Amino acid sequence: MAKTRPEHHAEPVLESAMDYAEHEKTYNGFVTGVKWVIYASVVSMIILYFLINP
């Protein structure tokens, strides 16, 4: 049985282990979630202003 040696690359392999498409999808979801939380907070403050203000 022949023993094989790992290939040695003359040039460095520039591959990233990070999945950029998934990263962008997660980031966009986070930003959208933050926007909705801000909108809900503003609406809640307006409603509370009219309920609590004598």
C-alpha atoms as a PDB file:
ATOM      1  CA  MET A   1       0.000   0.000   0.000  1.00  0.00           C
ATOM      2  CA  ALA A   2       1.418   3.341  -1.030  1.00  0.00           C
ATOM      3  CA  LYS A   3       1.591   6.177   1.438  1.00  0.00           C
ATOM      4  CA  THR A   4       0.379   9.509   0.130  1.00  0.00           C
ATOM      5  CA  ARG A   5       1.694  12.832   1.221  1.00  0.00           C
ATOM      6  CA  PRO A   6      -0.478  15.913   1.510  1.00  0.00           C
ATOM      7  CA  GLU A   7      -0.217  18.327  -1.375  1.00  0.00           C
ATOM      8  CA  HIS A   8       1.816  21.441  -0.759  1.00  0.00           C
ATOM      9  CA  HIS A   9       0.416  24.516  -2.425  1.00  0.00           C
ATOM     10  CA  ALA A  10       2.857  26.915  -3.981  1.00  0.00           C
ATOM     11  CA  GLU A  11       0.389  29.776  -3.409  1.00  0.00           C
ATOM     12  CA  PRO A  12      -1.500  30.352  -0.168  1.00  0.00           C
ATOM     13  CA  VAL A  13      -5.118  29.263  -0.272  1.00  0.00           C
ATOM     14  CA  LEU A  14      -7.247  32.313   0.512  1.00  0.00           C
ATOM     15  CA  GLU A  15     -10.499  30.706   1.589  1.00  0.00           C
ATOM     16  CA  SER A  16     -12.653  31.956   4.389  1.00  0.00           C
ATOM     17  CA  ALA A  17     -14.527  29.614   6.680  1.00  0.00           C
ATOM     18  CA  MET A  18     -17.203  32.287   7.163  1.00  0.00           C
ATOM     19  CA  ASP A  19     -20.468  32.029   5.241  1.00  0.00           C
ATOM     20  CA  TYR A  20     -20.969  35.614   4.067  1.00  0.00           C
ATOM     21  CA  ALA A  21     -24.476  35.079   2.718  1.00  0.00           C
ATOM     22  CA  GLU A  22     -25.649  33.736   6.072  1.00  0.00           C
ATOM     23  CA  HIS A  23     -23.822  36.555   7.852  1.00  0.00           C
ATOM     24  CA  GLU A  24     -25.610  39.187   5.749  1.00  0.00           C
ATOM     25  CA  LYS A  25     -28.967  37.482   6.321  1.00  0.00           C
ATOM     26  CA  THR A  26     -28.441  37.435  10.089  1.00  0.00           C
ATOM     27  CA  TYR A  27     -27.286  41.069  10.157  1.00  0.00           C
ATOM     28  CA  ASN A  28     -30.266  42.246   8.102  1.00  0.00           C
ATOM     29  CA  GLY A  29     -32.618  40.322  10.396  1.00  0.00           C
ATOM     30  CA  PHE A  30     -31.030  41.932  13.447  1.00  0.00           C
ATOM     31  CA  VAL A  31     -31.347  45.443  11.979  1.00  0.00           C
ATOM     32  CA  THR A  32     -34.980  44.794  11.029  1.00  0.00           C
ATOM     33  CA  GLY A  33     -35.689  43.537  14.546  1.00  0.00           C
ATOM     34  CA  VAL A  34     -34.124  46.629  16.100  1.00  0.00           C
ATOM     35  CA  LYS A  35     -36.242  48.877  13.848  1.00  0.00           C
ATOM     36  CA  TRP A  36     -39.455  47.096  14.918  1.00  0.00           C
ATOM     37  CA  VAL A  37     -38.516  47.363  18.592  1.00  0.00           C
ATOM     38  CA  ILE A  38     -37.946  51.103  18.165  1.00  0.00           C
ATOM     39  CA  TYR A  39     -41.282  51.523  16.360  1.00  0.00           C
ATOM     40  CA  ALA A  40     -43.116  49.547  19.073  1.00  0.00           C
ATOM     41  CA  SER A  41     -41.426  51.619  21.791  1.00  0.00           C
ATOM     42  CA  VAL A  42     -42.465  54.902  20.163  1.00  0.00           C
ATOM     43  CA  VAL A  43     -46.062  53.731  19.736  1.00  0.00           C
ATOM     44  CA  SER A  44     -46.125  52.523  23.361  1.00  0.00           C
ATOM     45  CA  MET A  45     -44.815  55.881  24.593  1.00  0.00           C
ATOM     46  CA  ILE A  46     -47.449  57.780  22.600  1.00  0.00           C
ATOM     47  CA  ILE A  47     -50.242  55.555  23.918  1.00  0.00           C
ATOM     48  CA  LEU A  48     -48.973  55.856  27.490  1.00  0.00           C
ATOM     49  CA  TYR A  49     -48.715  59.630  27.153  1.00  0.00           C
ATOM     50  CA  PHE A  50     -52.419  59.892  26.319  1.00  0.00           C
ATOM     51  CA  LEU A  51     -53.464  57.349  28.974  1.00  0.00           C
ATOM     52  CA  ILE A  52     -51.425  58.752  31.861  1.00  0.00           C
ATOM     53  CA  ASN A  53     -51.564  62.479  31.062  1.00  0.00           C
ATOM     54  CA  PRO A  54     -54.407  63.970  33.202  1.00  0.00           C
END
